[in-house]
Amino acid sequence: MSENKKTILDCVVKETGQHPQRCVIWLHGLGADGHDFEPIVPQLIETTRSPTRFVFPHARVRPVTINNGMAMRAWYDILGMQIDRDQDRAGIEQSIDDVNQLIDRELERGFKPEQIVLAGFSQGGAIALRCGLSRQVALAAVVGLSCYLLQADNRAEWLSDAGSQTPVFIGHGSVDPVVPIALGQHAATALQSSGLNIQWQHWPIAHGVSPDEIATLDRWLGEQLKMA
């Protein structure tokens, strides 16, 4: 089957109880896969107060130019050192479409938009922000960790009215050597300037997540999902 066909991404799915009332779709970083953030589930205590369905998709395998053309799971190709700009527009659009299909499938299964969180780390966080904030109906929340804002300069073209009403959490490591904290700060500032409600925080960590960050995110998600 052609790579361009409408195929649903393979996913790791975890449910914390029967008849889940909430759904978290979490996108991994470059070169990882859907198993990468499975261990986070037991740490999200407030998020899982109600039975929760976690969906961890595997990105498509594609060559990554900045990694000498090596094929790996990636949401898009990275073409140069300016990681927030030297990007693969076709790959970005394909991954946005892939993630929208996953969200739409959960809606078809009975979840309401206000019961769905879209989250991601690094490259996955960049896609989560770009995809979640262009939806036509607002999700419960969008989370971007250790990431940056794709197509920031033309966000007026893709940022939807619903996206503008979506709560956003952006977290970052202050000593991140892979995605400099300035890129995360720019994402938060740009979205705030567009009128979004942004929770921005950083921690003294490198390119990863810490227990403090996850605990803070968990409390924040618990607040966003209280109505779900």
C-alpha atoms as a PDB file:
ATOM      1  CA  MET A   1       0.000   0.000   0.000  1.00  0.00           C
ATOM      2  CA  SER A   2       1.305   3.474  -0.823  1.00  0.00           C
ATOM      3  CA  GLU A   3       2.700   5.563   2.036  1.00  0.00           C
ATOM      4  CA  ASN A   4       0.296   8.311   0.985  1.00  0.00           C
ATOM      5  CA  LYS A   5      -2.807   6.180   1.476  1.00  0.00           C
ATOM      6  CA  LYS A   6      -5.091   6.992   4.385  1.00  0.00           C
ATOM      7  CA  THR A   7      -3.638   4.471   6.812  1.00  0.00           C
ATOM      8  CA  ILE A   8      -4.052   4.815  10.563  1.00  0.00           C
ATOM      9  CA  LEU A   9      -0.784   4.801  12.458  1.00  0.00           C
ATOM     10  CA  ASP A  10      -0.007   1.793  14.617  1.00  0.00           C
ATOM     11  CA  CYS A  11      -0.345   2.665  18.297  1.00  0.00           C
ATOM     12  CA  VAL A  12       0.374   1.381  21.767  1.00  0.00           C
ATOM     13  CA  VAL A  13      -2.864   1.662  23.759  1.00  0.00           C
ATOM     14  CA  LYS A  14      -3.153   1.577  27.555  1.00  0.00           C
ATOM     15  CA  GLU A  15      -6.361   1.985  29.559  1.00  0.00           C
ATOM     16  CA  THR A  16      -6.392   2.635  33.297  1.00  0.00           C
ATOM     17  CA  GLY A  17      -9.879   1.218  33.799  1.00  0.00           C
ATOM     18  CA  GLN A  18     -13.033   0.096  32.100  1.00  0.00           C
ATOM     19  CA  HIS A  19     -15.148   2.547  30.114  1.00  0.00           C
ATOM     20  CA  PRO A  20     -12.540   5.337  29.942  1.00  0.00           C
ATOM     21  CA  GLN A  21     -13.860   8.879  30.230  1.00  0.00           C
ATOM     22  CA  ARG A  22     -10.692  10.628  29.064  1.00  0.00           C
ATOM     23  CA  CYS A  23      -8.205  10.109  26.263  1.00  0.00           C
ATOM     24  CA  VAL A  24      -4.580  11.236  26.044  1.00  0.00           C
ATOM     25  CA  ILE A  25      -2.812  10.936  22.683  1.00  0.00           C
ATOM     26  CA  TRP A  26       0.944  11.274  23.235  1.00  0.00           C
ATOM     27  CA  LEU A  27       3.476  11.730  20.400  1.00  0.00           C
ATOM     28  CA  HIS A  28       7.065  10.527  20.866  1.00  0.00           C
ATOM     29  CA  GLY A  29      10.248  12.294  19.818  1.00  0.00           C
ATOM     30  CA  LEU A  30      12.563  11.759  16.860  1.00  0.00           C
ATOM     31  CA  GLY A  31      13.896   8.227  16.585  1.00  0.00           C
ATOM     32  CA  ALA A  32      11.782   6.856  19.434  1.00  0.00           C
ATOM     33  CA  ASP A  33       8.452   5.038  19.156  1.00  0.00           C
ATOM     34  CA  GLY A  34       5.116   4.735  20.896  1.00  0.00           C
ATOM     35  CA  HIS A  35       6.590   2.712  23.758  1.00  0.00           C
ATOM     36  CA  ASP A  36       8.808   5.622  24.837  1.00  0.00           C
ATOM     37  CA  PHE A  37       6.280   7.288  27.125  1.00  0.00           C
ATOM     38  CA  GLU A  38       4.381   4.214  28.331  1.00  0.00           C
ATOM     39  CA  PRO A  39       6.085   4.483  31.758  1.00  0.00           C
ATOM     40  CA  ILE A  40       4.507   7.905  32.277  1.00  0.00           C
ATOM     41  CA  VAL A  41       1.017   6.482  32.777  1.00  0.00           C
ATOM     42  CA  PRO A  42       1.349   5.514  36.483  1.00  0.00           C
ATOM     43  CA  GLN A  43       2.798   8.957  37.255  1.00  0.00           C
ATOM     44  CA  LEU A  44      -0.278  10.826  35.988  1.00  0.00           C
ATOM     45  CA  ILE A  45      -2.385  10.440  39.107  1.00  0.00           C
ATOM     46  CA  GLU A  46      -4.655  13.489  38.730  1.00  0.00           C
ATOM     47  CA  THR A  47      -5.044  12.931  34.993  1.00  0.00           C
ATOM     48  CA  THR A  48      -6.298   9.398  35.591  1.00  0.00           C
ATOM     49  CA  ARG A  49      -8.776  10.172  38.393  1.00  0.00           C
ATOM     50  CA  SER A  50     -11.324   8.864  35.902  1.00  0.00           C
ATOM     51  CA  PRO A  51     -10.503   5.824  33.722  1.00  0.00           C
ATOM     52  CA  THR A  52      -8.270   7.089  30.934  1.00  0.00           C
ATOM     53  CA  ARG A  53      -7.313   5.759  27.532  1.00  0.00           C
ATOM     54  CA  PHE A  54      -3.707   6.477  26.482  1.00  0.00           C
ATOM     55  CA  VAL A  55      -2.787   6.283  22.804  1.00  0.00           C
ATOM     56  CA  PHE A  56       0.930   6.276  21.951  1.00  0.00           C
ATOM     57  CA  PRO A  57       1.289   6.230  18.152  1.00  0.00           C
ATOM     58  CA  HIS A  58       4.369   5.152  16.225  1.00  0.00           C
ATOM     59  CA  ALA A  59       5.431   7.821  13.718  1.00  0.00           C
ATOM     60  CA  ARG A  60       6.173   6.721  10.145  1.00  0.00           C
ATOM     61  CA  VAL A  61       9.700   5.630   9.292  1.00  0.00           C
ATOM     62  CA  ARG A  62      11.444   8.131   7.008  1.00  0.00           C
ATOM     63  CA  PRO A  63      14.997   9.281   6.191  1.00  0.00           C
ATOM     64  CA  VAL A  64      16.197  12.170   8.364  1.00  0.00           C
ATOM     65  CA  THR A  65      18.606  14.461   6.541  1.00  0.00           C
ATOM     66  CA  ILE A  66      20.299  15.895   9.639  1.00  0.00           C
ATOM     67  CA  ASN A  67      21.070  12.315  10.766  1.00  0.00           C
ATOM     68  CA  ASN A  68      22.925  11.481   7.525  1.00  0.00           C
ATOM     69  CA  GLY A  69      19.736  10.297   5.860  1.00  0.00           C
ATOM     70  CA  MET A  70      19.260   7.434   8.313  1.00  0.00           C
ATOM     71  CA  ALA A  71      15.729   6.031   8.281  1.00  0.00           C
ATOM     72  CA  MET A  72      13.950   6.215  11.638  1.00  0.00           C
ATOM     73  CA  ARG A  73      10.591   6.980  13.127  1.00  0.00           C
ATOM     74  CA  ALA A  74      10.085  10.701  12.609  1.00  0.00           C
ATOM     75  CA  TRP A  75       7.121  13.039  12.304  1.00  0.00           C
ATOM     76  CA  TYR A  76       8.958  14.913   9.524  1.00  0.00           C
ATOM     77  CA  ASP A  77      12.420  15.266   8.043  1.00  0.00           C
ATOM     78  CA  ILE A  78      14.826  17.763   9.614  1.00  0.00           C
ATOM     79  CA  LEU A  79      16.827  19.412   6.862  1.00  0.00           C
ATOM     80  CA  GLY A  80      19.282  21.622   8.765  1.00  0.00           C
ATOM     81  CA  MET A  81      20.474  23.035  12.065  1.00  0.00           C
ATOM     82  CA  GLN A  82      17.654  25.586  12.429  1.00  0.00           C
ATOM     83  CA  ILE A  83      15.284  22.925  13.697  1.00  0.00           C
ATOM     84  CA  ASP A  84      12.314  25.255  14.026  1.00  0.00           C
ATOM     85  CA  ARG A  85      12.707  26.408  10.398  1.00  0.00           C
ATOM     86  CA  ASP A  86      14.695  23.889   8.304  1.00  0.00           C
ATOM     87  CA  GLN A  87      11.821  21.473   8.024  1.00  0.00           C
ATOM     88  CA  ASP A  88       9.947  19.194   5.695  1.00  0.00           C
ATOM     89  CA  ARG A  89       6.623  20.859   4.954  1.00  0.00           C
ATOM     90  CA  ALA A  90       5.149  17.802   3.202  1.00  0.00           C
ATOM     91  CA  GLY A  91       6.132  15.579   6.127  1.00  0.00           C
ATOM     92  CA  ILE A  92       4.641  18.010   8.629  1.00  0.00           C
ATOM     93  CA  GLU A  93       1.351  18.099   6.735  1.00  0.00           C
ATOM     94  CA  GLN A  94       1.295  14.305   6.466  1.00  0.00           C
ATOM     95  CA  SER A  95       1.834  13.910  10.207  1.00  0.00           C
ATOM     96  CA  ILE A  96      -0.820  16.508  11.020  1.00  0.00           C
ATOM     97  CA  ASP A  97      -3.186  14.453   8.879  1.00  0.00           C
ATOM     98  CA  ASP A  98      -2.072  11.241  10.622  1.00  0.00           C
ATOM     99  CA  VAL A  99      -2.702  12.704  14.080  1.00  0.00           C
ATOM    100  CA  ASN A 100      -6.027  14.207  13.064  1.00  0.00           C
ATOM    101  CA  GLN A 101      -7.087  10.722  11.952  1.00  0.00           C
ATOM    102  CA  LEU A 102      -6.215   9.389  15.409  1.00  0.00           C
ATOM    103  CA  ILE A 103      -8.205  12.144  17.107  1.00  0.00           C
ATOM    104  CA  ASP A 104     -11.157  11.603  14.793  1.00  0.00           C
ATOM    105  CA  ARG A 105     -11.091   7.868  15.520  1.00  0.00           C
ATOM    106  CA  GLU A 106     -11.368   8.553  19.245  1.00  0.00           C
ATOM    107  CA  LEU A 107     -14.267  10.933  18.582  1.00  0.00           C
ATOM    108  CA  GLU A 108     -15.973   8.169  16.591  1.00  0.00           C
ATOM    109  CA  ARG A 109     -15.492   5.866  19.570  1.00  0.00           C
ATOM    110  CA  GLY A 110     -17.523   8.242  21.719  1.00  0.00           C
ATOM    111  CA  PHE A 111     -15.059  10.638  23.314  1.00  0.00           C
ATOM    112  CA  LYS A 112     -16.006  14.303  23.248  1.00  0.00           C
ATOM    113  CA  PRO A 113     -13.378  16.871  22.151  1.00  0.00           C
ATOM    114  CA  GLU A 114     -13.250  18.225  25.715  1.00  0.00           C
ATOM    115  CA  GLN A 115     -12.230  14.747  26.913  1.00  0.00           C
ATOM    116  CA  ILE A 116      -9.191  14.499  24.609  1.00  0.00           C
ATOM    117  CA  VAL A 117      -5.668  15.766  25.333  1.00  0.00           C
ATOM    118  CA  LEU A 118      -3.018  15.918  22.602  1.00  0.00           C
ATOM    119  CA  ALA A 119       0.530  15.846  23.986  1.00  0.00           C
ATOM    120  CA  GLY A 120       4.007  15.359  22.606  1.00  0.00           C
ATOM    121  CA  PHE A 121       7.712  15.494  23.345  1.00  0.00           C
ATOM    122  CA  SER A 122      10.350  17.222  21.189  1.00  0.00           C
ATOM    123  CA  GLN A 123       9.449  16.688  17.514  1.00  0.00           C
ATOM    124  CA  GLY A 124       6.194  15.082  18.685  1.00  0.00           C
ATOM    125  CA  GLY A 125       5.481  18.170  20.801  1.00  0.00           C
ATOM    126  CA  ALA A 126       5.966  20.398  17.769  1.00  0.00           C
ATOM    127  CA  ILE A 127       3.372  18.349  15.869  1.00  0.00           C
ATOM    128  CA  ALA A 128       1.032  18.330  18.883  1.00  0.00           C
ATOM    129  CA  LEU A 129       1.044  22.141  19.022  1.00  0.00           C
ATOM    130  CA  ARG A 130       0.685  22.568  15.267  1.00  0.00           C
ATOM    131  CA  CYS A 131      -2.070  19.954  14.928  1.00  0.00           C
ATOM    132  CA  GLY A 132      -4.026  20.544  18.129  1.00  0.00           C
ATOM    133  CA  LEU A 133      -4.227  24.304  17.710  1.00  0.00           C
ATOM    134  CA  SER A 134      -5.577  24.069  14.172  1.00  0.00           C
ATOM    135  CA  ARG A 135      -8.530  21.832  15.075  1.00  0.00           C
ATOM    136  CA  GLN A 136     -11.996  23.224  14.366  1.00  0.00           C
ATOM    137  CA  VAL A 137     -13.350  22.138  17.763  1.00  0.00           C
ATOM    138  CA  ALA A 138     -11.265  22.768  20.883  1.00  0.00           C
ATOM    139  CA  LEU A 139      -9.648  19.842  22.645  1.00  0.00           C
ATOM    140  CA  ALA A 140      -9.371  19.653  26.434  1.00  0.00           C
ATOM    141  CA  ALA A 141      -5.702  20.657  26.268  1.00  0.00           C
ATOM    142  CA  VAL A 142      -2.549  20.560  24.168  1.00  0.00           C
ATOM    143  CA  VAL A 143       0.871  19.798  25.677  1.00  0.00           C
ATOM    144  CA  GLY A 144       4.292  20.425  24.146  1.00  0.00           C
ATOM    145  CA  LEU A 145       7.394  19.347  26.079  1.00  0.00           C
ATOM    146  CA  SER A 146      10.952  20.262  25.033  1.00  0.00           C
ATOM    147  CA  CYS A 147       9.724  21.464  21.665  1.00  0.00           C
ATOM    148  CA  TYR A 148       9.205  24.480  19.421  1.00  0.00           C
ATOM    149  CA  LEU A 149       6.454  26.064  17.339  1.00  0.00           C
ATOM    150  CA  LEU A 150       6.333  25.005  13.699  1.00  0.00           C
ATOM    151  CA  GLN A 151       5.302  27.628  11.136  1.00  0.00           C
ATOM    152  CA  ALA A 152       5.243  30.265  13.864  1.00  0.00           C
ATOM    153  CA  ASP A 153       5.546  33.196  11.463  1.00  0.00           C
ATOM    154  CA  ASN A 154       2.353  32.318   9.593  1.00  0.00           C
ATOM    155  CA  ARG A 155       0.330  31.070  12.565  1.00  0.00           C
ATOM    156  CA  ALA A 156      -2.480  33.472  11.665  1.00  0.00           C
ATOM    157  CA  GLU A 157      -3.095  31.205   8.667  1.00  0.00           C
ATOM    158  CA  TRP A 158      -3.419  27.929  10.601  1.00  0.00           C
ATOM    159  CA  LEU A 159      -4.349  28.852  14.185  1.00  0.00           C
ATOM    160  CA  SER A 160      -8.094  28.248  14.443  1.00  0.00           C
ATOM    161  CA  ASP A 161     -10.627  30.047  16.627  1.00  0.00           C
ATOM    162  CA  ALA A 162     -11.016  26.783  18.566  1.00  0.00           C
ATOM    163  CA  GLY A 163      -7.250  26.495  18.903  1.00  0.00           C
ATOM    164  CA  SER A 164      -7.113  29.985  20.355  1.00  0.00           C
ATOM    165  CA  GLN A 165      -9.473  28.787  23.114  1.00  0.00           C
ATOM    166  CA  THR A 166      -7.456  25.645  23.920  1.00  0.00           C
ATOM    167  CA  PRO A 167      -5.359  25.575  27.127  1.00  0.00           C
ATOM    168  CA  VAL A 168      -1.690  24.876  26.373  1.00  0.00           C
ATOM    169  CA  PHE A 169       1.119  23.587  28.591  1.00  0.00           C
ATOM    170  CA  ILE A 170       4.685  24.128  27.379  1.00  0.00           C
ATOM    171  CA  GLY A 171       7.536  22.727  29.460  1.00  0.00           C
ATOM    172  CA  HIS A 172      11.267  22.741  28.784  1.00  0.00           C
ATOM    173  CA  GLY A 173      14.666  21.941  30.227  1.00  0.00           C
ATOM    174  CA  SER A 174      16.789  25.001  30.904  1.00  0.00           C
ATOM    175  CA  VAL A 175      19.991  23.181  29.851  1.00  0.00           C
ATOM    176  CA  ASP A 176      18.561  21.361  26.826  1.00  0.00           C
ATOM    177  CA  PRO A 177      21.384  20.930  24.256  1.00  0.00           C
ATOM    178  CA  VAL A 178      19.098  19.482  21.562  1.00  0.00           C
ATOM    179  CA  VAL A 179      16.190  21.934  21.542  1.00  0.00           C
ATOM    180  CA  PRO A 180      17.461  25.148  23.193  1.00  0.00           C
ATOM    181  CA  ILE A 181      15.147  26.622  25.796  1.00  0.00           C
ATOM    182  CA  ALA A 182      14.920  29.813  23.714  1.00  0.00           C
ATOM    183  CA  LEU A 183      12.829  27.870  21.180  1.00  0.00           C
ATOM    184  CA  GLY A 184      10.373  26.734  23.840  1.00  0.00           C
ATOM    185  CA  GLN A 185      10.193  30.257  25.253  1.00  0.00           C
ATOM    186  CA  HIS A 186       9.554  31.629  21.762  1.00  0.00           C
ATOM    187  CA  ALA A 187       6.699  29.153  21.277  1.00  0.00           C
ATOM    188  CA  ALA A 188       5.095  30.234  24.544  1.00  0.00           C
ATOM    189  CA  THR A 189       5.541  33.943  23.811  1.00  0.00           C
ATOM    190  CA  ALA A 190       4.258  33.682  20.242  1.00  0.00           C
ATOM    191  CA  LEU A 191       1.122  31.819  21.290  1.00  0.00           C
ATOM    192  CA  GLN A 192       0.509  34.195  24.199  1.00  0.00           C
ATOM    193  CA  SER A 193       0.739  37.106  21.774  1.00  0.00           C
ATOM    194  CA  SER A 194      -1.989  35.388  19.736  1.00  0.00           C
ATOM    195  CA  GLY A 195      -4.247  35.383  22.797  1.00  0.00           C
ATOM    196  CA  LEU A 196      -3.822  31.809  24.022  1.00  0.00           C
ATOM    197  CA  ASN A 197      -3.803  30.741  27.663  1.00  0.00           C
ATOM    198  CA  ILE A 198      -0.281  29.327  28.054  1.00  0.00           C
ATOM    199  CA  GLN A 199       1.224  27.580  31.063  1.00  0.00           C
ATOM    200  CA  TRP A 200       5.000  27.931  30.555  1.00  0.00           C
ATOM    201  CA  GLN A 201       7.507  26.375  32.951  1.00  0.00           C
ATOM    202  CA  HIS A 202      11.076  25.138  32.824  1.00  0.00           C
ATOM    203  CA  TRP A 203      13.276  22.901  34.916  1.00  0.00           C
ATOM    204  CA  PRO A 204      17.086  22.477  35.287  1.00  0.00           C
ATOM    205  CA  ILE A 205      17.219  19.415  33.047  1.00  0.00           C
ATOM    206  CA  ALA A 206      18.552  18.528  29.600  1.00  0.00           C
ATOM    207  CA  HIS A 207      16.506  17.031  26.728  1.00  0.00           C
ATOM    208  CA  GLY A 208      14.084  14.897  28.689  1.00  0.00           C
ATOM    209  CA  VAL A 209      11.440  15.054  31.388  1.00  0.00           C
ATOM    210  CA  SER A 210      11.819  15.102  35.161  1.00  0.00           C
ATOM    211  CA  PRO A 211       9.545  13.881  37.985  1.00  0.00           C
ATOM    212  CA  ASP A 212       8.859  17.506  38.976  1.00  0.00           C
ATOM    213  CA  GLU A 213       7.845  18.390  35.434  1.00  0.00           C
ATOM    214  CA  ILE A 214       5.524  15.398  35.138  1.00  0.00           C
ATOM    215  CA  ALA A 215       3.962  16.136  38.543  1.00  0.00           C
ATOM    216  CA  THR A 216       3.336  19.761  37.531  1.00  0.00           C
ATOM    217  CA  LEU A 217       1.865  18.676  34.215  1.00  0.00           C
ATOM    218  CA  ASP A 218      -0.316  16.104  35.980  1.00  0.00           C
ATOM    219  CA  ARG A 219      -1.812  18.711  38.317  1.00  0.00           C
ATOM    220  CA  TRP A 220      -2.426  21.048  35.386  1.00  0.00           C
ATOM    221  CA  LEU A 221      -4.094  18.342  33.294  1.00  0.00           C
ATOM    222  CA  GLY A 222      -6.238  17.363  36.254  1.00  0.00           C
ATOM    223  CA  GLU A 223      -7.573  20.920  36.348  1.00  0.00           C
ATOM    224  CA  GLN A 224      -8.260  20.992  32.612  1.00  0.00           C
ATOM    225  CA  LEU A 225     -10.087  17.665  32.742  1.00  0.00           C
ATOM    226  CA  LYS A 226     -12.260  18.369  35.780  1.00  0.00           C
ATOM    227  CA  MET A 227     -15.256  18.974  33.549  1.00  0.00           C
ATOM    228  CA  ALA A 228     -14.646  15.838  31.461  1.00  0.00           C
END
